[in-house]
Amino acid sequence: MLPIRNNYLAVRLSFFFLSTIFFTIQGFYIDYANSQSVEELLEQARLQIKENKLIMPINDNALNTLREILKLEPDNQEVPKLFKKIKARYIRWAERAEKQGKFSTAKIYYKRIIRIDPSDKEILHRLKILQRKEALKKHPTVPIGQKTLAKINAHPAKTDKKSLLKVDITRMTFIPEGQFLMGSNDIHPPNRRPAHRVYLKAFYIDTWEVTNDDMVKFLNSQGNPEGLYIKIGPENFIQKKQGKYFVIPNKEKYPANFVSWYGANAYCEWLGKSLPTEAQWEKAARGTDGRRYPWGSAPPSSRYLNFISFTNWQSVLKPVGSYEAGKSPYGVYDMAGNVWEWCSDWYNPSYYIDSPHKNPTGPEKGLHKVLRGGLFGENPLYVETSYRNHNKPELQGLYTGFRCAYEIP
């Protein structure tokens, strides 16, 4: 019995050693086969790049081949270099398409790079700029019609000589220089995205909206050429009789409305001032803590603004400075409600994507001008400090008013 047992052990040992040798040889074979496979795949990827088969067609492209290589050899040093070649080629094609004005084509090329690397910040930034270019292309670049331009040129506003000597800032509020948070990351509406830091030099802004009393002084000095500055009608609190403008009794301290952007701009220039930029307006309304409303985070109510109704606006509108609790952090009144306020900027929905960090003044051209601050209606979205409205500068709406700003020379 003993020899049989010894033979059995010998067979077992022999099988063990043969198995070890087999698996060792198999491992060497697999490594060798993989190294060969990687080299072949690298050569295949180079050929596909040469033939511009970058991520298309579906079954024969460099992207898929490079991914196969990474499965076999995650640390392969050649793969990043080939990815870089693919990216460079797409960038070259995209830039050429941009120069030709083919923005949709350029977007396709950039998005193909994002398929390779979804976190590529450079390409994501290029896509955002491209979206802004597309938006500008859709809007006419001629600011105003020729007839309107002729009217303005024929009747330029004359600056008050006294204002050249000294600008009256007694009814203005000082806004110190520094950074503040502008815009919002809220999905709706997208024209106020993204939230971003803006640095502004110091300026003054009117503590109250320009009143009917103020506007009448301007109109009696400068006139209302061809009705361009303000709409005078039975519904307006400002009337005209025997060549003179006057305010209906007890409406002197109500905000001037039915004012076009041209009228608002001319008024401010008459006093040696200017309309606030969109950034100046938002900082004066919001302060530096990123608040949703001028008074803070509490929902809009009759405590803070004339948040009543769109109907019967003549009974809804309130005298300026009526809402002490609704002041902004700097003490500026009526930055929400009463009337929309014209800003100096041309409007572009995607301007925030790459607007300047310091003292932004808006696009150079456009079709609409920016309006801020909401009105007397009851939509809480409109009275948020970051909400952006816009309309044609010749609009004379029952809800369009303004205030002035002034930068110390």
Protein backbone atom coordinates (compact mmCIF):
# COMPACT_ATOMS: atom_id res chain seq x y z
CA MET A 1 0.00 0.00 0.00
CA LEU A 2 2.84 2.43 0.69
CA PRO A 3 4.21 2.54 -2.90
CA ILE A 4 0.74 3.38 -4.24
CA ARG A 5 0.46 6.31 -1.82
CA ASN A 6 3.90 7.58 -2.80
CA ASN A 7 2.93 7.40 -6.47
CA TYR A 8 -0.24 9.37 -5.74
CA LEU A 9 1.74 12.12 -3.98
CA ALA A 10 4.20 12.22 -6.84
CA VAL A 11 1.38 12.68 -9.34
CA ARG A 12 -0.11 15.47 -7.20
CA LEU A 13 3.23 17.27 -6.97
CA SER A 14 3.84 16.92 -10.68
CA PHE A 15 0.41 18.36 -11.45
CA PHE A 16 1.06 21.30 -9.09
CA PHE A 17 4.39 22.18 -10.71
CA LEU A 18 2.94 21.83 -14.22
CA SER A 19 0.00 24.08 -13.29
CA THR A 20 2.34 26.70 -11.87
CA ILE A 21 4.46 26.66 -15.01
CA PHE A 22 1.34 26.84 -17.20
CA PHE A 23 -0.16 29.84 -15.43
CA THR A 24 3.19 31.63 -15.34
CA ILE A 25 3.63 31.11 -19.07
CA GLN A 26 0.01 32.17 -19.63
CA GLY A 27 0.63 35.42 -17.69
CA PHE A 28 3.69 36.21 -19.78
CA TYR A 29 1.68 35.45 -22.90
CA ILE A 30 -1.19 37.75 -21.86
CA ASP A 31 1.22 40.59 -21.03
CA TYR A 32 2.94 40.13 -24.35
CA ALA A 33 -0.38 39.95 -26.21
CA ASN A 34 -1.61 43.11 -24.43
CA SER A 35 1.57 45.05 -25.21
CA GLN A 36 1.18 44.09 -28.82
CA SER A 37 -2.48 45.04 -28.72
CA VAL A 38 -1.74 48.47 -27.21
CA GLU A 39 0.88 49.20 -29.86
CA GLU A 40 -1.51 48.19 -32.60
CA LEU A 41 -4.27 50.30 -31.11
CA LEU A 42 -1.96 53.31 -30.79
CA GLU A 43 -1.03 53.00 -34.44
CA GLN A 44 -4.70 52.68 -35.32
CA ALA A 45 -5.53 55.83 -33.31
CA ARG A 46 -2.78 57.83 -35.02
CA LEU A 47 -4.11 56.79 -38.42
CA GLN A 48 -7.68 57.72 -37.44
CA ILE A 49 -6.52 61.17 -36.30
CA LYS A 50 -4.63 61.64 -39.54
CA GLU A 51 -7.82 60.79 -41.47
CA ASN A 52 -9.90 63.14 -39.23
CA LYS A 53 -11.88 60.25 -37.79
CA LEU A 54 -11.84 61.88 -34.37
CA ILE A 55 -15.15 60.91 -32.76
CA MET A 56 -16.99 59.95 -35.94
CA PRO A 57 -17.92 57.59 -37.57
CA ILE A 58 -19.37 55.65 -34.64
CA ASN A 59 -17.54 52.36 -35.24
CA ASP A 60 -14.23 53.74 -36.46
CA ASN A 61 -12.92 56.75 -34.54
CA ALA A 62 -9.89 57.75 -32.49
CA LEU A 63 -11.85 58.47 -29.31
CA ASN A 64 -13.11 54.89 -29.03
CA THR A 65 -9.67 53.49 -29.84
CA LEU A 66 -7.98 55.59 -27.16
CA ARG A 67 -10.57 54.48 -24.63
CA GLU A 68 -9.80 50.85 -25.48
CA ILE A 69 -6.11 51.52 -24.86
CA LEU A 70 -6.89 52.99 -21.42
CA LYS A 71 -8.81 49.82 -20.50
CA LEU A 72 -5.72 47.76 -21.22
CA GLU A 73 -3.16 50.24 -19.94
CA PRO A 74 -4.63 53.05 -17.81
CA ASP A 75 -1.28 54.83 -17.40
CA ASN A 76 -0.28 54.84 -21.06
CA GLN A 77 1.73 58.00 -21.73
CA GLU A 78 0.82 58.36 -25.41
CA VAL A 79 -2.95 58.60 -24.92
CA PRO A 80 -2.98 62.15 -23.39
CA LYS A 81 -0.81 63.39 -26.26
CA LEU A 82 -3.25 62.00 -28.82
CA PHE A 83 -6.22 63.46 -26.94
CA LYS A 84 -4.42 66.81 -27.09
CA LYS A 85 -4.07 66.48 -30.87
CA ILE A 86 -7.80 65.82 -31.22
CA LYS A 87 -8.62 68.88 -29.09
CA ALA A 88 -6.23 71.11 -31.06
CA ARG A 89 -7.82 70.05 -34.33
CA TYR A 90 -11.35 70.77 -33.13
CA ILE A 91 -10.27 74.16 -31.76
CA ARG A 92 -8.71 75.04 -35.12
CA TRP A 93 -11.89 74.08 -36.96
CA ALA A 94 -14.07 75.96 -34.44
CA GLU A 95 -12.00 79.16 -34.67
CA ARG A 96 -12.18 79.05 -38.45
CA ALA A 97 -15.97 78.64 -38.28
CA GLU A 98 -16.22 81.59 -35.85
CA LYS A 99 -14.27 83.85 -38.23
CA GLN A 100 -16.73 82.92 -40.96
CA GLY A 101 -19.66 83.74 -38.68
CA LYS A 102 -20.76 80.10 -38.52
CA PHE A 103 -21.37 80.04 -34.78
CA SER A 104 -23.56 76.93 -34.76
CA THR A 105 -20.81 74.97 -36.53
CA ALA A 106 -18.20 76.23 -34.06
CA LYS A 107 -20.43 75.13 -31.17
CA ILE A 108 -20.59 71.61 -32.60
CA TYR A 109 -16.79 71.35 -32.62
CA TYR A 110 -16.47 72.68 -29.06
CA LYS A 111 -19.16 70.31 -27.81
CA ARG A 112 -17.23 67.39 -29.31
CA ILE A 113 -14.29 68.36 -27.13
CA ILE A 114 -16.64 68.39 -24.12
CA ARG A 115 -17.59 64.80 -24.98
CA ILE A 116 -13.94 63.90 -24.46
CA ASP A 117 -13.50 65.99 -21.30
CA PRO A 118 -16.73 67.37 -19.75
CA SER A 119 -14.75 69.44 -17.23
CA ASP A 120 -12.58 71.31 -19.78
CA LYS A 121 -12.89 74.87 -18.40
CA GLU A 122 -11.25 76.51 -21.40
CA ILE A 123 -13.79 75.02 -23.82
CA LEU A 124 -16.74 75.67 -21.50
CA HIS A 125 -15.67 79.33 -21.39
CA ARG A 126 -15.38 79.45 -25.19
CA LEU A 127 -18.89 78.02 -25.49
CA LYS A 128 -20.28 80.73 -23.22
CA ILE A 129 -18.64 83.47 -25.28
CA LEU A 130 -20.00 81.86 -28.41
CA GLN A 131 -23.53 81.91 -26.97
CA ARG A 132 -23.18 85.63 -26.41
CA LYS A 133 -21.99 86.16 -29.99
CA GLU A 134 -25.00 84.21 -31.23
CA ALA A 135 -27.33 86.39 -29.17
CA LEU A 136 -25.74 89.57 -30.55
CA LYS A 137 -26.10 88.24 -34.08
CA LYS A 138 -29.84 87.68 -33.57
CA HIS A 139 -30.38 91.28 -32.41
CA PRO A 140 -29.91 94.16 -34.88
CA THR A 141 -26.77 96.13 -34.13
CA VAL A 142 -28.23 99.47 -35.24
CA PRO A 143 -29.16 101.19 -31.96
CA ILE A 144 -32.13 103.21 -33.17
CA GLY A 145 -33.98 104.04 -36.36
CA GLN A 146 -32.73 106.83 -38.59
CA LYS A 147 -35.81 108.99 -37.95
CA THR A 148 -35.37 108.79 -34.18
CA LEU A 149 -31.65 109.51 -34.50
CA ALA A 150 -32.42 112.57 -36.63
CA LYS A 151 -34.83 113.85 -33.99
CA ILE A 152 -32.21 113.58 -31.26
CA ASN A 153 -29.48 115.21 -33.33
CA ALA A 154 -31.83 118.04 -34.23
CA HIS A 155 -32.68 118.74 -30.58
CA PRO A 156 -29.64 118.05 -28.37
CA ALA A 157 -30.15 118.57 -24.65
CA LYS A 158 -28.45 121.70 -23.34
CA THR A 159 -26.57 121.28 -20.12
CA ASP A 160 -27.50 123.78 -17.43
CA LYS A 161 -24.50 126.15 -17.16
CA LYS A 162 -24.81 126.18 -13.38
CA SER A 163 -24.44 122.41 -13.28
CA LEU A 164 -21.09 122.70 -15.05
CA LEU A 165 -19.83 124.70 -12.11
CA LYS A 166 -21.26 122.48 -9.40
CA VAL A 167 -23.45 119.40 -9.57
CA ASP A 168 -26.15 119.39 -6.90
CA ILE A 169 -25.77 116.19 -4.88
CA THR A 170 -27.92 117.26 -1.93
CA ARG A 171 -30.68 114.80 -2.93
CA MET A 172 -28.28 112.01 -3.80
CA THR A 173 -26.81 109.10 -1.83
CA PHE A 174 -23.11 108.22 -1.79
CA ILE A 175 -22.23 104.64 -2.80
CA PRO A 176 -18.63 103.78 -1.80
CA GLU A 177 -16.21 102.03 -4.13
CA GLY A 178 -15.64 98.30 -3.87
CA GLN A 179 -16.97 94.90 -4.88
CA PHE A 180 -20.49 93.54 -4.72
CA LEU A 181 -22.32 90.45 -5.94
CA MET A 182 -24.20 91.08 -9.19
CA GLY A 183 -26.68 88.76 -10.91
CA SER A 184 -28.08 85.45 -9.71
CA ASN A 185 -27.63 81.74 -10.34
CA ASP A 186 -31.39 81.16 -10.30
CA ILE A 187 -32.48 79.28 -13.41
CA HIS A 188 -35.28 81.70 -14.27
CA PRO A 189 -34.81 84.04 -15.95
CA PRO A 190 -31.42 83.04 -17.40
CA ASN A 191 -30.44 86.60 -18.42
CA ARG A 192 -29.19 87.32 -14.87
CA ARG A 193 -26.83 84.32 -14.79
CA PRO A 194 -24.19 83.82 -13.55
CA ALA A 195 -23.84 85.55 -10.20
CA HIS A 196 -20.47 87.33 -10.34
CA ARG A 197 -18.33 89.82 -8.48
CA VAL A 198 -18.16 93.38 -9.84
CA TYR A 199 -15.91 96.22 -8.68
CA LEU A 200 -17.25 99.77 -8.96
CA LYS A 201 -15.62 103.09 -8.23
CA ALA A 202 -17.52 105.42 -5.90
CA PHE A 203 -20.57 107.29 -7.22
CA TYR A 204 -23.72 109.09 -6.18
CA ILE A 205 -27.27 108.06 -7.05
CA ASP A 206 -30.56 109.90 -6.58
CA THR A 207 -32.09 109.01 -3.23
CA TRP A 208 -35.55 109.16 -4.82
CA GLU A 209 -36.91 108.65 -8.31
CA VAL A 210 -37.19 111.79 -10.45
CA THR A 211 -40.56 113.35 -9.68
CA ASN A 212 -43.19 115.05 -11.82
CA ASP A 213 -42.15 118.35 -10.28
CA ASP A 214 -38.52 117.75 -11.33
CA MET A 215 -39.54 116.71 -14.84
CA VAL A 216 -41.71 119.80 -15.40
CA LYS A 217 -38.74 122.08 -14.65
CA PHE A 218 -36.73 120.21 -17.27
CA LEU A 219 -39.52 120.30 -19.87
CA ASN A 220 -40.11 124.02 -19.43
CA SER A 221 -36.37 124.57 -19.92
CA GLN A 222 -35.66 122.10 -22.71
CA GLY A 223 -39.02 121.37 -24.29
CA ASN A 224 -40.20 118.00 -25.55
CA PRO A 225 -38.95 117.83 -29.17
CA GLU A 226 -41.55 116.04 -31.28
CA GLY A 227 -42.81 114.32 -28.13
CA LEU A 228 -39.62 112.28 -27.92
CA TYR A 229 -38.91 112.74 -24.21
CA ILE A 230 -42.28 112.14 -22.57
CA LYS A 231 -45.80 111.24 -23.58
CA ILE A 232 -48.25 113.96 -22.66
CA GLY A 233 -51.86 112.82 -22.57
CA PRO A 234 -54.99 112.87 -20.42
CA GLU A 235 -53.73 109.92 -18.35
CA ASN A 236 -50.42 111.60 -17.41
CA PHE A 237 -50.02 113.65 -14.24
CA ILE A 238 -47.98 116.13 -16.31
CA GLN A 239 -50.02 118.35 -18.62
CA LYS A 240 -49.32 121.18 -21.05
CA LYS A 241 -51.30 124.40 -21.44
CA GLN A 242 -50.47 127.51 -23.43
CA GLY A 243 -46.94 126.25 -24.09
CA LYS A 244 -46.20 125.57 -20.41
CA TYR A 245 -45.91 122.23 -18.64
CA PHE A 246 -47.47 121.77 -15.20
CA VAL A 247 -48.34 118.99 -12.75
CA ILE A 248 -51.86 118.07 -11.72
CA PRO A 249 -52.37 119.25 -8.11
CA ASN A 250 -51.13 116.89 -5.38
CA LYS A 251 -49.14 114.76 -7.85
CA GLU A 252 -45.91 116.79 -7.73
CA LYS A 253 -43.98 114.25 -5.65
CA TYR A 254 -45.09 111.19 -7.60
CA PRO A 255 -42.47 109.57 -9.85
CA ALA A 256 -42.42 110.88 -13.40
CA ASN A 257 -43.65 108.21 -15.81
CA PHE A 258 -44.35 107.90 -19.54
CA VAL A 259 -40.68 108.93 -19.92
CA SER A 260 -38.61 107.45 -22.76
CA TRP A 261 -34.96 106.50 -22.32
CA TYR A 262 -34.07 109.55 -24.40
CA GLY A 263 -36.05 111.80 -22.08
CA ALA A 264 -34.46 110.26 -19.00
CA ASN A 265 -30.96 110.54 -20.47
CA ALA A 266 -31.51 114.15 -21.56
CA TYR A 267 -32.78 115.13 -18.11
CA CYS A 268 -29.71 113.67 -16.38
CA GLU A 269 -27.33 115.34 -18.84
CA TRP A 270 -29.14 118.65 -18.30
CA LEU A 271 -28.04 118.48 -14.66
CA GLY A 272 -24.51 117.36 -15.46
CA LYS A 273 -25.29 113.82 -14.37
CA SER A 274 -26.03 110.54 -16.18
CA LEU A 275 -28.31 107.58 -16.01
CA PRO A 276 -26.85 104.90 -13.71
CA THR A 277 -25.20 101.91 -15.33
CA GLU A 278 -26.94 98.63 -14.70
CA ALA A 279 -24.15 97.69 -12.27
CA GLN A 280 -24.41 100.98 -10.38
CA TRP A 281 -28.16 100.59 -10.08
CA GLU A 282 -27.88 97.03 -8.72
CA LYS A 283 -25.22 97.90 -6.17
CA ALA A 284 -27.25 100.85 -4.89
CA ALA A 285 -30.28 98.56 -4.55
CA ARG A 286 -28.51 95.50 -3.17
CA GLY A 287 -25.48 96.51 -1.17
CA THR A 288 -22.67 94.01 -0.74
CA ASP A 289 -24.43 91.08 0.93
CA GLY A 290 -26.13 89.67 -2.18
CA ARG A 291 -29.66 90.24 -0.86
CA ARG A 292 -32.71 89.29 -2.92
CA TYR A 293 -34.69 92.49 -2.27
CA PRO A 294 -33.53 96.02 -1.34
CA TRP A 295 -34.81 95.53 2.25
CA GLY A 296 -33.45 91.98 2.68
CA SER A 297 -34.94 88.53 2.27
CA ALA A 298 -38.51 89.03 3.54
CA PRO A 299 -41.17 88.46 0.83
CA PRO A 300 -42.59 91.60 -0.82
CA SER A 301 -45.52 93.16 1.04
CA SER A 302 -47.23 96.52 1.43
CA ARG A 303 -44.77 97.29 4.22
CA TYR A 304 -41.89 97.57 1.76
CA LEU A 305 -43.37 98.75 -1.57
CA ASN A 306 -46.60 99.52 -3.40
CA PHE A 307 -47.04 95.88 -4.25
CA ILE A 308 -50.69 96.06 -5.19
CA SER A 309 -52.02 95.56 -8.71
CA PHE A 310 -51.59 96.34 -12.39
CA THR A 311 -55.10 97.76 -12.56
CA ASN A 312 -55.93 101.44 -12.06
CA TRP A 313 -52.30 102.53 -11.86
CA GLN A 314 -53.21 106.15 -11.06
CA SER A 315 -54.51 105.12 -7.65
CA VAL A 316 -51.71 102.58 -7.14
CA LEU A 317 -48.68 104.80 -7.77
CA LYS A 318 -47.26 106.37 -4.60
CA PRO A 319 -45.23 109.50 -3.84
CA VAL A 320 -41.48 108.86 -3.82
CA GLY A 321 -40.02 107.87 -0.44
CA SER A 322 -43.31 106.46 0.88
CA TYR A 323 -41.79 103.18 2.12
CA GLU A 324 -39.23 103.72 4.86
CA ALA A 325 -38.91 99.97 5.54
CA GLY A 326 -38.23 99.29 1.85
CA LYS A 327 -34.98 101.29 1.65
CA SER A 328 -31.83 99.71 0.27
CA PRO A 329 -28.77 99.10 2.52
CA TYR A 330 -27.45 102.54 1.52
CA GLY A 331 -30.76 104.28 2.25
CA VAL A 332 -32.00 104.63 -1.34
CA TYR A 333 -35.81 104.63 -1.69
CA ASP A 334 -38.13 102.87 -4.16
CA MET A 335 -35.56 100.54 -5.73
CA ALA A 336 -38.47 98.10 -5.92
CA GLY A 337 -41.96 99.03 -7.08
CA ASN A 338 -43.47 102.35 -8.22
CA VAL A 339 -41.97 102.52 -11.77
CA TRP A 340 -39.36 100.70 -13.81
CA GLU A 341 -36.15 102.77 -14.00
CA TRP A 342 -34.08 103.30 -17.13
CA CYS A 343 -30.35 102.50 -16.98
CA SER A 344 -27.69 103.74 -19.39
CA ASP A 345 -26.75 100.26 -20.72
CA TRP A 346 -27.79 98.61 -23.92
CA TYR A 347 -29.30 95.22 -23.14
CA ASN A 348 -27.85 91.84 -24.01
CA PRO A 349 -29.26 88.68 -22.38
CA SER A 350 -25.87 86.97 -22.12
CA TYR A 351 -23.77 90.01 -21.19
CA TYR A 352 -22.90 88.64 -17.75
CA ILE A 353 -21.07 85.64 -19.22
CA ASP A 354 -17.93 87.66 -19.96
CA SER A 355 -18.68 91.20 -18.75
CA PRO A 356 -15.75 93.21 -17.32
CA HIS A 357 -14.99 92.82 -13.63
CA LYS A 358 -14.41 96.56 -13.14
CA ASN A 359 -16.98 99.26 -13.87
CA PRO A 360 -19.00 97.45 -16.59
CA THR A 361 -21.04 99.74 -18.82
CA GLY A 362 -22.91 97.21 -20.95
CA PRO A 363 -22.63 96.32 -24.66
CA GLU A 364 -21.61 98.98 -27.17
CA LYS A 365 -24.74 98.56 -29.26
CA GLY A 366 -28.15 96.96 -29.09
CA LEU A 367 -31.84 97.28 -29.73
CA HIS A 368 -33.20 97.67 -26.19
CA LYS A 369 -32.15 99.58 -23.08
CA VAL A 370 -32.11 98.09 -19.58
CA LEU A 371 -34.94 98.73 -17.10
CA ARG A 372 -34.61 97.94 -13.37
CA GLY A 373 -36.62 97.92 -10.15
CA GLY A 374 -39.98 96.47 -11.01
CA LEU A 375 -43.23 98.40 -10.89
CA PHE A 376 -46.50 98.60 -8.99
CA GLY A 377 -47.68 95.15 -10.06
CA GLU A 378 -47.75 92.12 -7.82
CA ASN A 379 -45.11 89.84 -9.35
CA PRO A 380 -42.40 89.18 -6.72
CA LEU A 381 -39.87 88.22 -9.40
CA TYR A 382 -39.87 91.71 -10.93
CA VAL A 383 -38.81 93.44 -7.72
CA GLU A 384 -35.78 91.24 -7.01
CA THR A 385 -32.58 93.28 -7.06
CA SER A 386 -31.03 91.10 -9.79
CA TYR A 387 -34.04 91.07 -12.14
CA ARG A 388 -33.28 92.52 -15.59
CA ASN A 389 -35.98 94.04 -17.80
CA HIS A 390 -35.52 95.82 -21.12
CA ASN A 391 -37.38 97.67 -23.85
CA LYS A 392 -36.95 99.97 -26.83
CA PRO A 393 -35.48 103.32 -25.74
CA GLU A 394 -38.32 105.23 -27.42
CA LEU A 395 -40.92 103.47 -25.23
CA GLN A 396 -43.03 105.87 -23.15
CA GLY A 397 -44.88 103.49 -20.85
CA LEU A 398 -47.11 104.29 -17.92
CA TYR A 399 -44.52 102.39 -15.85
CA THR A 400 -41.23 103.92 -17.20
CA GLY A 401 -39.40 106.36 -14.95
CA PHE A 402 -35.81 106.90 -13.80
CA ARG A 403 -33.25 108.37 -11.41
CA CYS A 404 -29.82 109.90 -12.07
CA ALA A 405 -26.28 109.00 -11.05
CA TYR A 406 -23.11 111.05 -10.76
CA GLU A 407 -19.43 110.10 -10.70
CA ILE A 408 -17.01 112.56 -9.15
CA PRO A 409 -14.47 113.57 -11.86
